[in-house]
Amino acid sequence: MEANFKFIPLDFSWVALHPQPIGVVQVIGGAFFGTFPTIFYRYLCQQIFNQGYTIVAIPYRFTFRHWSVSIGLVRDLVNLRIMMLEEAKRRGYEYQIYQEKPTDPKGNYYWLGHSLGSKYIALLELLTELEFKAIEDVLGDCVGEDQQTEIKQDLQDVDLESISLKNQAILLLAPAITGIEAAIPVKAIADLMKKLGLDVKPNVEQTHCLILRSRLFNLFSLIALAKDNIAKDTVTWIKANLSDRLIQCIELPNRGHLAPLGWKNGDTQLATKVIECLEQFKQKCDQIAEHSTVKTPSTELETNPIKTQS
């Protein structure tokens, strides 16, 4: 069956269903551009689709409350997967992959985050530990009681497995874990807002603290862009603190932060590197799946901490 790349609106996302999918790639872009992923990330998504992947383009949601958005995004995917299954059946496409749990050791579900979209994915990776640890142990003293209360409220009546990124590899593309300055480009105004106590939650320092105390983030790769001044600080921090957990760390020369964007034309080499990372993720997940039947969840977590964001 011929694969025609076309986004269709399903629930709160845009989906390009492949007739014979080998995996599902969930994409979250950065502020503004990520709000219209079918336009600004179209070229990159099409190149991935052409390799056999179904694409789920999740529109970026602007807010200062990043915990709530992260939890809401992944909760929406529960209904979305049901709709994808029904639509694939209706079109006569292969649909078995949509019957799998995303947390299945087969590792057929992936996350691709660009810019600030990467932070939302990172927060979900952190919350994956709630399957095994109390929220107080996950958050520690990295954040205040206000954020802990917010998370508890957002997770009321939520099946923790439904928001888990376990066994879902993550590709961070020019990731930018930033604060309010991402929304307010005038530094003086952003600094004033911070002094008034207005900043995103969690802020940069809190997010770094949470990641460092996490046992996860072992199933992820990083693509950095040499002329990227927006993601530079985040990339430097990841290399300094998480280099031993990275599957791949790739730096592409002569490119800035917006290199992943493109409608009809785009960065071919960048797209190729993204696809190669996805292929390597699959090899890694296949290795994990071979051993998953003889390991308990806790042992599996320690051996492959990267289950989520990795």
C-alpha atoms as a PDB file:
ATOM      1  CA  MET A   1       0.000   0.000   0.000  1.00  0.00           C
ATOM      2  CA  GLU A   2       1.348   3.411  -0.971  1.00  0.00           C
ATOM      3  CA  ALA A   3       2.238   5.681   1.927  1.00  0.00           C
ATOM      4  CA  ASN A   4       0.903   9.199   1.435  1.00  0.00           C
ATOM      5  CA  PHE A   5       2.092  11.755   3.950  1.00  0.00           C
ATOM      6  CA  LYS A   6      -0.863  13.744   5.221  1.00  0.00           C
ATOM      7  CA  PHE A   7      -1.709  15.114   8.639  1.00  0.00           C
ATOM      8  CA  ILE A   8      -5.224  14.623   9.944  1.00  0.00           C
ATOM      9  CA  PRO A   9      -6.626  16.228  13.108  1.00  0.00           C
ATOM     10  CA  LEU A  10      -7.308  13.686  15.829  1.00  0.00           C
ATOM     11  CA  ASP A  11      -8.286  14.853  19.281  1.00  0.00           C
ATOM     12  CA  PHE A  12      -5.840  17.657  20.210  1.00  0.00           C
ATOM     13  CA  SER A  13      -3.019  16.549  17.906  1.00  0.00           C
ATOM     14  CA  TRP A  14      -2.150  16.126  14.253  1.00  0.00           C
ATOM     15  CA  VAL A  15      -1.430  12.602  13.048  1.00  0.00           C
ATOM     16  CA  ALA A  16       0.164  11.227   9.879  1.00  0.00           C
ATOM     17  CA  LEU A  17      -0.751   7.533   9.862  1.00  0.00           C
ATOM     18  CA  HIS A  18       1.641   5.260   8.033  1.00  0.00           C
ATOM     19  CA  PRO A  19      -0.068   2.269   6.362  1.00  0.00           C
ATOM     20  CA  GLN A  20       2.682  -0.086   7.591  1.00  0.00           C
ATOM     21  CA  PRO A  21       4.110   1.587  10.700  1.00  0.00           C
ATOM     22  CA  ILE A  22       7.347   0.383  12.257  1.00  0.00           C
ATOM     23  CA  GLY A  23       7.040   2.880  15.092  1.00  0.00           C
ATOM     24  CA  VAL A  24       5.247   5.955  16.390  1.00  0.00           C
ATOM     25  CA  VAL A  25       7.179   9.213  16.788  1.00  0.00           C
ATOM     26  CA  GLN A  26       5.601  11.822  19.059  1.00  0.00           C
ATOM     27  CA  VAL A  27       6.885  15.312  18.266  1.00  0.00           C
ATOM     28  CA  ILE A  28       6.772  18.437  20.437  1.00  0.00           C
ATOM     29  CA  GLY A  29       8.333  21.601  19.050  1.00  0.00           C
ATOM     30  CA  GLY A  30       9.345  24.861  20.651  1.00  0.00           C
ATOM     31  CA  ALA A  31       7.415  27.976  21.602  1.00  0.00           C
ATOM     32  CA  PHE A  32       5.433  29.551  18.742  1.00  0.00           C
ATOM     33  CA  PHE A  33       6.769  27.297  15.969  1.00  0.00           C
ATOM     34  CA  GLY A  34       5.643  24.233  17.889  1.00  0.00           C
ATOM     35  CA  THR A  35       2.139  25.668  18.111  1.00  0.00           C
ATOM     36  CA  PHE A  36       1.835  24.978  14.374  1.00  0.00           C
ATOM     37  CA  PRO A  37       3.859  21.768  13.983  1.00  0.00           C
ATOM     38  CA  THR A  38       2.263  20.708  10.697  1.00  0.00           C
ATOM     39  CA  ILE A  39       3.619  23.879   9.120  1.00  0.00           C
ATOM     40  CA  PHE A  40       6.990  24.551  10.694  1.00  0.00           C
ATOM     41  CA  TYR A  41       8.109  20.943  11.262  1.00  0.00           C
ATOM     42  CA  ARG A  42       6.504  19.486   8.160  1.00  0.00           C
ATOM     43  CA  TYR A  43       9.697  18.650   6.253  1.00  0.00           C
ATOM     44  CA  LEU A  44      11.328  16.856   9.182  1.00  0.00           C
ATOM     45  CA  CYS A  45       8.141  14.956   9.988  1.00  0.00           C
ATOM     46  CA  GLN A  46       7.745  13.865   6.365  1.00  0.00           C
ATOM     47  CA  GLN A  47      11.291  12.515   6.196  1.00  0.00           C
ATOM     48  CA  ILE A  48      10.652  10.449   9.331  1.00  0.00           C
ATOM     49  CA  PHE A  49       7.286   9.283   7.954  1.00  0.00           C
ATOM     50  CA  ASN A  50       8.942   8.162   4.720  1.00  0.00           C
ATOM     51  CA  GLN A  51      11.043   5.713   6.745  1.00  0.00           C
ATOM     52  CA  GLY A  52       7.923   3.954   8.021  1.00  0.00           C
ATOM     53  CA  TYR A  53       6.926   5.855  11.159  1.00  0.00           C
ATOM     54  CA  THR A  54       3.540   7.203  12.120  1.00  0.00           C
ATOM     55  CA  ILE A  55       3.902  10.816  13.260  1.00  0.00           C
ATOM     56  CA  VAL A  56       2.011  12.421  16.130  1.00  0.00           C
ATOM     57  CA  ALA A  57       2.595  16.185  16.044  1.00  0.00           C
ATOM     58  CA  ILE A  58       1.571  17.622  19.411  1.00  0.00           C
ATOM     59  CA  PRO A  59       0.968  21.393  19.366  1.00  0.00           C
ATOM     60  CA  TYR A  60       3.042  23.345  21.870  1.00  0.00           C
ATOM     61  CA  ARG A  61       1.008  24.865  24.688  1.00  0.00           C
ATOM     62  CA  PHE A  62       2.224  28.104  26.190  1.00  0.00           C
ATOM     63  CA  THR A  63       1.956  28.455  29.958  1.00  0.00           C
ATOM     64  CA  PHE A  64       4.106  29.110  33.009  1.00  0.00           C
ATOM     65  CA  ARG A  65       2.860  25.856  34.602  1.00  0.00           C
ATOM     66  CA  HIS A  66       4.958  23.278  32.817  1.00  0.00           C
ATOM     67  CA  TRP A  67       3.991  20.361  35.062  1.00  0.00           C
ATOM     68  CA  SER A  68       0.312  20.720  34.204  1.00  0.00           C
ATOM     69  CA  VAL A  69       1.000  20.953  30.487  1.00  0.00           C
ATOM     70  CA  SER A  70       3.257  17.901  30.469  1.00  0.00           C
ATOM     71  CA  ILE A  71       0.722  15.786  32.321  1.00  0.00           C
ATOM     72  CA  GLY A  72      -2.119  17.069  30.151  1.00  0.00           C
ATOM     73  CA  LEU A  73      -0.263  16.346  26.920  1.00  0.00           C
ATOM     74  CA  VAL A  74       0.363  12.718  27.701  1.00  0.00           C
ATOM     75  CA  ARG A  75      -3.110  12.177  29.174  1.00  0.00           C
ATOM     76  CA  ASP A  76      -4.576  13.347  25.878  1.00  0.00           C
ATOM     77  CA  LEU A  77      -2.569  10.651  24.116  1.00  0.00           C
ATOM     78  CA  VAL A  78      -4.574   7.908  25.843  1.00  0.00           C
ATOM     79  CA  ASN A  79      -7.708   8.798  23.870  1.00  0.00           C
ATOM     80  CA  LEU A  80      -5.658   9.677  20.822  1.00  0.00           C
ATOM     81  CA  ARG A  81      -4.240   6.161  20.536  1.00  0.00           C
ATOM     82  CA  ILE A  82      -7.775   4.749  20.532  1.00  0.00           C
ATOM     83  CA  MET A  83      -8.679   7.134  17.725  1.00  0.00           C
ATOM     84  CA  MET A  84      -5.518   6.209  15.805  1.00  0.00           C
ATOM     85  CA  LEU A  85      -6.428   2.533  16.067  1.00  0.00           C
ATOM     86  CA  GLU A  86      -9.952   3.150  14.784  1.00  0.00           C
ATOM     87  CA  GLU A  87      -8.744   5.370  11.937  1.00  0.00           C
ATOM     88  CA  ALA A  88      -6.084   2.861  10.868  1.00  0.00           C
ATOM     89  CA  LYS A  89      -8.683   0.074  10.778  1.00  0.00           C
ATOM     90  CA  ARG A  90     -11.053   2.265   8.770  1.00  0.00           C
ATOM     91  CA  ARG A  91      -8.335   2.962   6.198  1.00  0.00           C
ATOM     92  CA  GLY A  92      -7.264  -0.665   5.946  1.00  0.00           C
ATOM     93  CA  TYR A  93      -3.823   0.080   7.408  1.00  0.00           C
ATOM     94  CA  GLU A  94      -1.815  -2.212   9.642  1.00  0.00           C
ATOM     95  CA  TYR A  95      -2.891  -1.352  13.167  1.00  0.00           C
ATOM     96  CA  GLN A  96      -1.298  -3.826  15.581  1.00  0.00           C
ATOM     97  CA  ILE A  97       1.221  -1.260  16.807  1.00  0.00           C
ATOM     98  CA  TYR A  98      -1.595   0.949  18.111  1.00  0.00           C
ATOM     99  CA  GLN A  99      -2.837  -1.941  20.230  1.00  0.00           C
ATOM    100  CA  GLU A 100       0.474  -2.066  22.076  1.00  0.00           C
ATOM    101  CA  LYS A 101       1.012  -0.164  25.267  1.00  0.00           C
ATOM    102  CA  PRO A 102       3.584   2.589  24.662  1.00  0.00           C
ATOM    103  CA  THR A 103       5.411   1.228  27.725  1.00  0.00           C
ATOM    104  CA  ASP A 104       5.780  -2.207  26.132  1.00  0.00           C
ATOM    105  CA  PRO A 105       9.423  -3.400  26.107  1.00  0.00           C
ATOM    106  CA  LYS A 106       9.229  -3.585  22.310  1.00  0.00           C
ATOM    107  CA  GLY A 107       9.986   0.132  22.386  1.00  0.00           C
ATOM    108  CA  ASN A 108       7.962   1.113  19.325  1.00  0.00           C
ATOM    109  CA  TYR A 109       7.031   4.551  20.668  1.00  0.00           C
ATOM    110  CA  TYR A 110       9.493   7.439  20.577  1.00  0.00           C
ATOM    111  CA  TRP A 111       9.624  11.092  21.599  1.00  0.00           C
ATOM    112  CA  LEU A 112      11.245  13.901  19.643  1.00  0.00           C
ATOM    113  CA  GLY A 113      11.519  17.265  21.345  1.00  0.00           C
ATOM    114  CA  HIS A 114      12.895  20.471  19.870  1.00  0.00           C
ATOM    115  CA  SER A 115      13.738  23.572  21.876  1.00  0.00           C
ATOM    116  CA  LEU A 116      11.401  24.103  24.851  1.00  0.00           C
ATOM    117  CA  GLY A 117       9.336  21.095  23.786  1.00  0.00           C
ATOM    118  CA  SER A 118      12.195  19.000  25.143  1.00  0.00           C
ATOM    119  CA  LYS A 119      11.509  20.280  28.650  1.00  0.00           C
ATOM    120  CA  TYR A 120       7.949  18.961  28.632  1.00  0.00           C
ATOM    121  CA  ILE A 121       9.274  15.534  27.676  1.00  0.00           C
ATOM    122  CA  ALA A 122      11.941  15.707  30.384  1.00  0.00           C
ATOM    123  CA  LEU A 123       9.295  16.426  33.030  1.00  0.00           C
ATOM    124  CA  LEU A 124       7.331  13.373  31.932  1.00  0.00           C
ATOM    125  CA  GLU A 125      10.470  11.309  32.202  1.00  0.00           C
ATOM    126  CA  LEU A 126      10.822  12.499  35.787  1.00  0.00           C
ATOM    127  CA  LEU A 127       7.209  11.637  36.624  1.00  0.00           C
ATOM    128  CA  THR A 128       7.747   8.106  35.334  1.00  0.00           C
ATOM    129  CA  GLU A 129       9.528   7.368  38.611  1.00  0.00           C
ATOM    130  CA  LEU A 130       6.194   7.774  40.417  1.00  0.00           C
ATOM    131  CA  GLU A 131       5.440   4.179  39.402  1.00  0.00           C
ATOM    132  CA  PHE A 132       8.155   3.117  41.820  1.00  0.00           C
ATOM    133  CA  LYS A 133       8.678   5.997  44.260  1.00  0.00           C
ATOM    134  CA  ALA A 134       6.610   8.411  46.321  1.00  0.00           C
ATOM    135  CA  ILE A 135       6.283  11.904  44.925  1.00  0.00           C
ATOM    136  CA  GLU A 136       8.258  13.292  47.860  1.00  0.00           C
ATOM    137  CA  ASP A 137      11.167  11.021  46.913  1.00  0.00           C
ATOM    138  CA  VAL A 138      10.989  12.027  43.255  1.00  0.00           C
ATOM    139  CA  LEU A 139      10.917  15.768  43.905  1.00  0.00           C
ATOM    140  CA  GLY A 140      13.093  15.857  47.020  1.00  0.00           C
ATOM    141  CA  ASP A 141      13.894  19.410  48.006  1.00  0.00           C
ATOM    142  CA  CYS A 142      14.336  20.524  44.392  1.00  0.00           C
ATOM    143  CA  VAL A 143      10.959  22.279  44.305  1.00  0.00           C
ATOM    144  CA  GLY A 144       8.648  23.846  46.850  1.00  0.00           C
ATOM    145  CA  GLU A 145       5.424  22.523  48.327  1.00  0.00           C
ATOM    146  CA  ASP A 146       3.412  24.581  45.838  1.00  0.00           C
ATOM    147  CA  GLN A 147       4.654  22.513  42.903  1.00  0.00           C
ATOM    148  CA  GLN A 148       4.266  19.272  44.815  1.00  0.00           C
ATOM    149  CA  THR A 149       0.644  20.182  45.546  1.00  0.00           C
ATOM    150  CA  GLU A 150       0.052  21.148  41.915  1.00  0.00           C
ATOM    151  CA  ILE A 151       1.372  17.819  40.663  1.00  0.00           C
ATOM    152  CA  LYS A 152      -0.721  15.851  43.151  1.00  0.00           C
ATOM    153  CA  GLN A 153      -3.839  17.700  42.012  1.00  0.00           C
ATOM    154  CA  ASP A 154      -3.072  17.127  38.339  1.00  0.00           C
ATOM    155  CA  LEU A 155      -2.478  13.425  38.985  1.00  0.00           C
ATOM    156  CA  GLN A 156      -5.719  12.792  40.845  1.00  0.00           C
ATOM    157  CA  ASP A 157      -7.496   9.737  39.393  1.00  0.00           C
ATOM    158  CA  VAL A 158      -4.670   9.286  36.875  1.00  0.00           C
ATOM    159  CA  ASP A 159      -3.313   5.854  36.033  1.00  0.00           C
ATOM    160  CA  LEU A 160       0.425   6.428  36.439  1.00  0.00           C
ATOM    161  CA  GLU A 161       1.205   3.988  33.649  1.00  0.00           C
ATOM    162  CA  SER A 162      -0.765   6.213  31.265  1.00  0.00           C
ATOM    163  CA  ILE A 163       1.692   9.088  31.778  1.00  0.00           C
ATOM    164  CA  SER A 164       4.778   6.893  31.937  1.00  0.00           C
ATOM    165  CA  LEU A 165       7.506   7.171  29.320  1.00  0.00           C
ATOM    166  CA  LYS A 166       8.943   3.809  30.312  1.00  0.00           C
ATOM    167  CA  ASN A 167      10.560   2.043  27.344  1.00  0.00           C
ATOM    168  CA  GLN A 168      10.013   5.124  25.166  1.00  0.00           C
ATOM    169  CA  ALA A 169      13.273   6.489  23.816  1.00  0.00           C
ATOM    170  CA  ILE A 170      13.759  10.255  23.644  1.00  0.00           C
ATOM    171  CA  LEU A 171      15.637  12.365  21.156  1.00  0.00           C
ATOM    172  CA  LEU A 172      16.425  15.884  22.321  1.00  0.00           C
ATOM    173  CA  LEU A 173      16.971  18.136  19.320  1.00  0.00           C
ATOM    174  CA  ALA A 174      18.565  21.455  20.300  1.00  0.00           C
ATOM    175  CA  PRO A 175      16.879  21.244  23.723  1.00  0.00           C
ATOM    176  CA  ALA A 176      16.266  24.494  25.594  1.00  0.00           C
ATOM    177  CA  ILE A 177      15.411  24.142  29.263  1.00  0.00           C
ATOM    178  CA  THR A 178      14.741  27.795  29.927  1.00  0.00           C
ATOM    179  CA  GLY A 179      12.753  30.026  32.237  1.00  0.00           C
ATOM    180  CA  ILE A 180      10.520  32.987  31.591  1.00  0.00           C
ATOM    181  CA  GLU A 181      13.160  34.479  29.290  1.00  0.00           C
ATOM    182  CA  ALA A 182      11.975  32.091  26.574  1.00  0.00           C
ATOM    183  CA  ALA A 183       8.623  33.868  26.521  1.00  0.00           C
ATOM    184  CA  ILE A 184       9.931  37.397  27.186  1.00  0.00           C
ATOM    185  CA  PRO A 185      12.942  38.060  24.943  1.00  0.00           C
ATOM    186  CA  VAL A 186      13.754  41.421  26.572  1.00  0.00           C
ATOM    187  CA  LYS A 187      16.201  40.413  29.306  1.00  0.00           C
ATOM    188  CA  ALA A 188      15.530  43.411  31.551  1.00  0.00           C
ATOM    189  CA  ILE A 189      11.812  42.673  31.615  1.00  0.00           C
ATOM    190  CA  ALA A 190      12.377  38.946  32.145  1.00  0.00           C
ATOM    191  CA  ASP A 191      14.724  39.678  35.060  1.00  0.00           C
ATOM    192  CA  LEU A 192      12.153  42.035  36.568  1.00  0.00           C
ATOM    193  CA  MET A 193       9.455  39.371  36.301  1.00  0.00           C
ATOM    194  CA  LYS A 194      11.725  36.909  38.101  1.00  0.00           C
ATOM    195  CA  LYS A 195      12.358  39.401  40.895  1.00  0.00           C
ATOM    196  CA  LEU A 196       8.604  39.710  41.282  1.00  0.00           C
ATOM    197  CA  GLY A 197       8.416  35.946  41.685  1.00  0.00           C
ATOM    198  CA  LEU A 198       7.018  35.266  38.234  1.00  0.00           C
ATOM    199  CA  ASP A 199       8.801  32.451  36.432  1.00  0.00           C
ATOM    200  CA  VAL A 200       7.963  29.125  34.863  1.00  0.00           C
ATOM    201  CA  LYS A 201       7.562  26.155  37.187  1.00  0.00           C
ATOM    202  CA  PRO A 202       9.841  24.336  37.490  1.00  0.00           C
ATOM    203  CA  ASN A 203      12.500  26.880  36.620  1.00  0.00           C
ATOM    204  CA  VAL A 204      15.879  26.037  35.117  1.00  0.00           C
ATOM    205  CA  GLU A 205      17.681  25.348  38.393  1.00  0.00           C
ATOM    206  CA  GLN A 206      14.818  23.224  39.729  1.00  0.00           C
ATOM    207  CA  THR A 207      14.644  21.194  36.524  1.00  0.00           C
ATOM    208  CA  HIS A 208      18.386  20.534  36.622  1.00  0.00           C
ATOM    209  CA  CYS A 209      18.119  19.456  40.260  1.00  0.00           C
ATOM    210  CA  LEU A 210      15.299  17.021  39.484  1.00  0.00           C
ATOM    211  CA  ILE A 211      17.143  15.457  36.559  1.00  0.00           C
ATOM    212  CA  LEU A 212      20.327  14.967  38.563  1.00  0.00           C
ATOM    213  CA  ARG A 213      18.526  13.108  41.353  1.00  0.00           C
ATOM    214  CA  SER A 214      16.639  10.904  38.882  1.00  0.00           C
ATOM    215  CA  ARG A 215      17.744   7.370  38.034  1.00  0.00           C
ATOM    216  CA  LEU A 216      16.154   7.663  34.619  1.00  0.00           C
ATOM    217  CA  PHE A 217      17.337   9.530  31.511  1.00  0.00           C
ATOM    218  CA  ASN A 218      19.257   6.533  30.215  1.00  0.00           C
ATOM    219  CA  LEU A 219      17.489   5.981  26.917  1.00  0.00           C
ATOM    220  CA  PHE A 220      18.009   9.275  25.172  1.00  0.00           C
ATOM    221  CA  SER A 221      20.188  10.945  22.571  1.00  0.00           C
ATOM    222  CA  LEU A 222      21.128  14.541  21.891  1.00  0.00           C
ATOM    223  CA  ILE A 223      21.532  16.446  18.655  1.00  0.00           C
ATOM    224  CA  ALA A 224      23.181  19.834  19.131  1.00  0.00           C
ATOM    225  CA  LEU A 225      23.597  22.605  16.572  1.00  0.00           C
ATOM    226  CA  ALA A 226      26.957  24.368  16.556  1.00  0.00           C
ATOM    227  CA  LYS A 227      25.668  27.916  16.014  1.00  0.00           C
ATOM    228  CA  ASP A 228      22.717  27.574  18.379  1.00  0.00           C
ATOM    229  CA  ASN A 229      22.817  30.288  21.039  1.00  0.00           C
ATOM    230  CA  ILE A 230      19.349  29.496  22.402  1.00  0.00           C
ATOM    231  CA  ALA A 231      20.016  25.878  23.388  1.00  0.00           C
ATOM    232  CA  LYS A 232      23.719  26.376  24.101  1.00  0.00           C
ATOM    233  CA  ASP A 233      23.420  26.502  27.902  1.00  0.00           C
ATOM    234  CA  THR A 234      21.178  23.427  28.059  1.00  0.00           C
ATOM    235  CA  VAL A 235      23.403  21.441  25.707  1.00  0.00           C
ATOM    236  CA  THR A 236      26.485  22.376  27.722  1.00  0.00           C
ATOM    237  CA  TRP A 237      24.753  21.293  30.937  1.00  0.00           C
ATOM    238  CA  ILE A 238      23.652  17.948  29.465  1.00  0.00           C
ATOM    239  CA  LYS A 239      27.150  17.197  28.190  1.00  0.00           C
ATOM    240  CA  ALA A 240      28.653  18.067  31.568  1.00  0.00           C
ATOM    241  CA  ASN A 241      26.176  16.107  33.692  1.00  0.00           C
ATOM    242  CA  LEU A 242      24.566  13.378  31.582  1.00  0.00           C
ATOM    243  CA  SER A 243      27.209  12.404  29.035  1.00  0.00           C
ATOM    244  CA  ASP A 244      27.554   8.926  30.530  1.00  0.00           C
ATOM    245  CA  ARG A 245      23.832   8.299  30.017  1.00  0.00           C
ATOM    246  CA  LEU A 246      23.594   9.434  26.399  1.00  0.00           C
ATOM    247  CA  ILE A 247      23.232   6.829  23.685  1.00  0.00           C
ATOM    248  CA  GLN A 248      24.432   9.349  21.125  1.00  0.00           C
ATOM    249  CA  CYS A 249      25.642  12.937  21.263  1.00  0.00           C
ATOM    250  CA  ILE A 250      25.762  14.487  17.812  1.00  0.00           C
ATOM    251  CA  GLU A 251      26.805  18.036  16.934  1.00  0.00           C
ATOM    252  CA  LEU A 252      25.996  19.353  13.494  1.00  0.00           C
ATOM    253  CA  PRO A 253      28.121  22.285  12.269  1.00  0.00           C
ATOM    254  CA  ASN A 254      27.028  25.571  10.701  1.00  0.00           C
ATOM    255  CA  ARG A 255      23.470  25.473  12.008  1.00  0.00           C
ATOM    256  CA  GLY A 256      21.399  27.595  14.327  1.00  0.00           C
ATOM    257  CA  HIS A 257      18.461  26.849  16.601  1.00  0.00           C
ATOM    258  CA  LEU A 258      15.836  26.932  13.854  1.00  0.00           C
ATOM    259  CA  ALA A 259      17.535  24.394  11.571  1.00  0.00           C
ATOM    260  CA  PRO A 260      14.832  21.733  12.210  1.00  0.00           C
ATOM    261  CA  LEU A 261      12.155  23.999  10.710  1.00  0.00           C
ATOM    262  CA  GLY A 262      11.009  23.595   7.145  1.00  0.00           C
ATOM    263  CA  TRP A 263       7.860  23.261   5.034  1.00  0.00           C
ATOM    264  CA  LYS A 264       8.650  21.819   1.590  1.00  0.00           C
ATOM    265  CA  ASN A 265      12.408  21.957   1.987  1.00  0.00           C
ATOM    266  CA  GLY A 266      14.602  21.476   5.005  1.00  0.00           C
ATOM    267  CA  ASP A 267      17.876  20.267   6.427  1.00  0.00           C
ATOM    268  CA  THR A 268      18.450  16.870   4.823  1.00  0.00           C
ATOM    269  CA  GLN A 269      21.496  15.968   6.903  1.00  0.00           C
ATOM    270  CA  LEU A 270      19.715  16.828  10.140  1.00  0.00           C
ATOM    271  CA  ALA A 271      16.724  14.696   9.139  1.00  0.00           C
ATOM    272  CA  THR A 272      19.067  11.809   8.313  1.00  0.00           C
ATOM    273  CA  LYS A 273      20.700  12.032  11.748  1.00  0.00           C
ATOM    274  CA  VAL A 274      17.291  12.029  13.428  1.00  0.00           C
ATOM    275  CA  ILE A 275      16.308   8.885  11.540  1.00  0.00           C
ATOM    276  CA  GLU A 276      19.611   7.198  12.426  1.00  0.00           C
ATOM    277  CA  CYS A 277      18.975   7.958  16.100  1.00  0.00           C
ATOM    278  CA  LEU A 278      15.524   6.363  15.869  1.00  0.00           C
ATOM    279  CA  GLU A 279      17.034   3.250  14.295  1.00  0.00           C
ATOM    280  CA  GLN A 280      19.615   3.005  17.059  1.00  0.00           C
ATOM    281  CA  PHE A 281      16.877   3.441  19.665  1.00  0.00           C
ATOM    282  CA  LYS A 282      15.100   0.427  18.189  1.00  0.00           C
ATOM    283  CA  GLN A 283      18.237  -1.689  18.453  1.00  0.00           C
ATOM    284  CA  LYS A 284      18.657  -0.646  22.073  1.00  0.00           C
ATOM    285  CA  CYS A 285      15.020  -1.357  22.919  1.00  0.00           C
ATOM    286  CA  ASP A 286      15.241  -4.770  21.264  1.00  0.00           C
ATOM    287  CA  GLN A 287      18.145  -5.585  23.582  1.00  0.00           C
ATOM    288  CA  ILE A 288      16.091  -4.448  26.579  1.00  0.00           C
ATOM    289  CA  ALA A 289      13.084  -6.491  25.460  1.00  0.00           C
ATOM    290  CA  GLU A 290      15.189  -9.665  25.302  1.00  0.00           C
ATOM    291  CA  HIS A 291      15.823  -9.421  29.042  1.00  0.00           C
ATOM    292  CA  SER A 292      12.561  -7.851  30.243  1.00  0.00           C
ATOM    293  CA  THR A 293      10.793 -11.160  30.851  1.00  0.00           C
ATOM    294  CA  VAL A 294      13.248 -12.180  33.552  1.00  0.00           C
ATOM    295  CA  LYS A 295      13.525  -8.847  35.366  1.00  0.00           C
ATOM    296  CA  THR A 296      11.278  -7.187  37.862  1.00  0.00           C
ATOM    297  CA  PRO A 297      10.293  -3.542  37.250  1.00  0.00           C
ATOM    298  CA  SER A 298      12.728  -2.303  39.889  1.00  0.00           C
ATOM    299  CA  THR A 299      15.645  -4.274  38.470  1.00  0.00           C
ATOM    300  CA  GLU A 300      14.725  -3.202  34.983  1.00  0.00           C
ATOM    301  CA  LEU A 301      14.698   0.422  36.057  1.00  0.00           C
ATOM    302  CA  GLU A 302      18.155   0.230  37.550  1.00  0.00           C
ATOM    303  CA  THR A 303      19.601  -1.559  34.551  1.00  0.00           C
ATOM    304  CA  ASN A 304      17.972   0.704  31.996  1.00  0.00           C
ATOM    305  CA  PRO A 305      17.293   3.962  33.807  1.00  0.00           C
ATOM    306  CA  ILE A 306      16.658   5.532  30.514  1.00  0.00           C
ATOM    307  CA  LYS A 307      13.361   3.859  30.134  1.00  0.00           C
ATOM    308  CA  THR A 308      11.554   7.070  29.619  1.00  0.00           C
ATOM    309  CA  GLN A 309      13.566   9.743  28.374  1.00  0.00           C
ATOM    310  CA  SER A 310      16.123   7.773  27.304  1.00  0.00           C
END
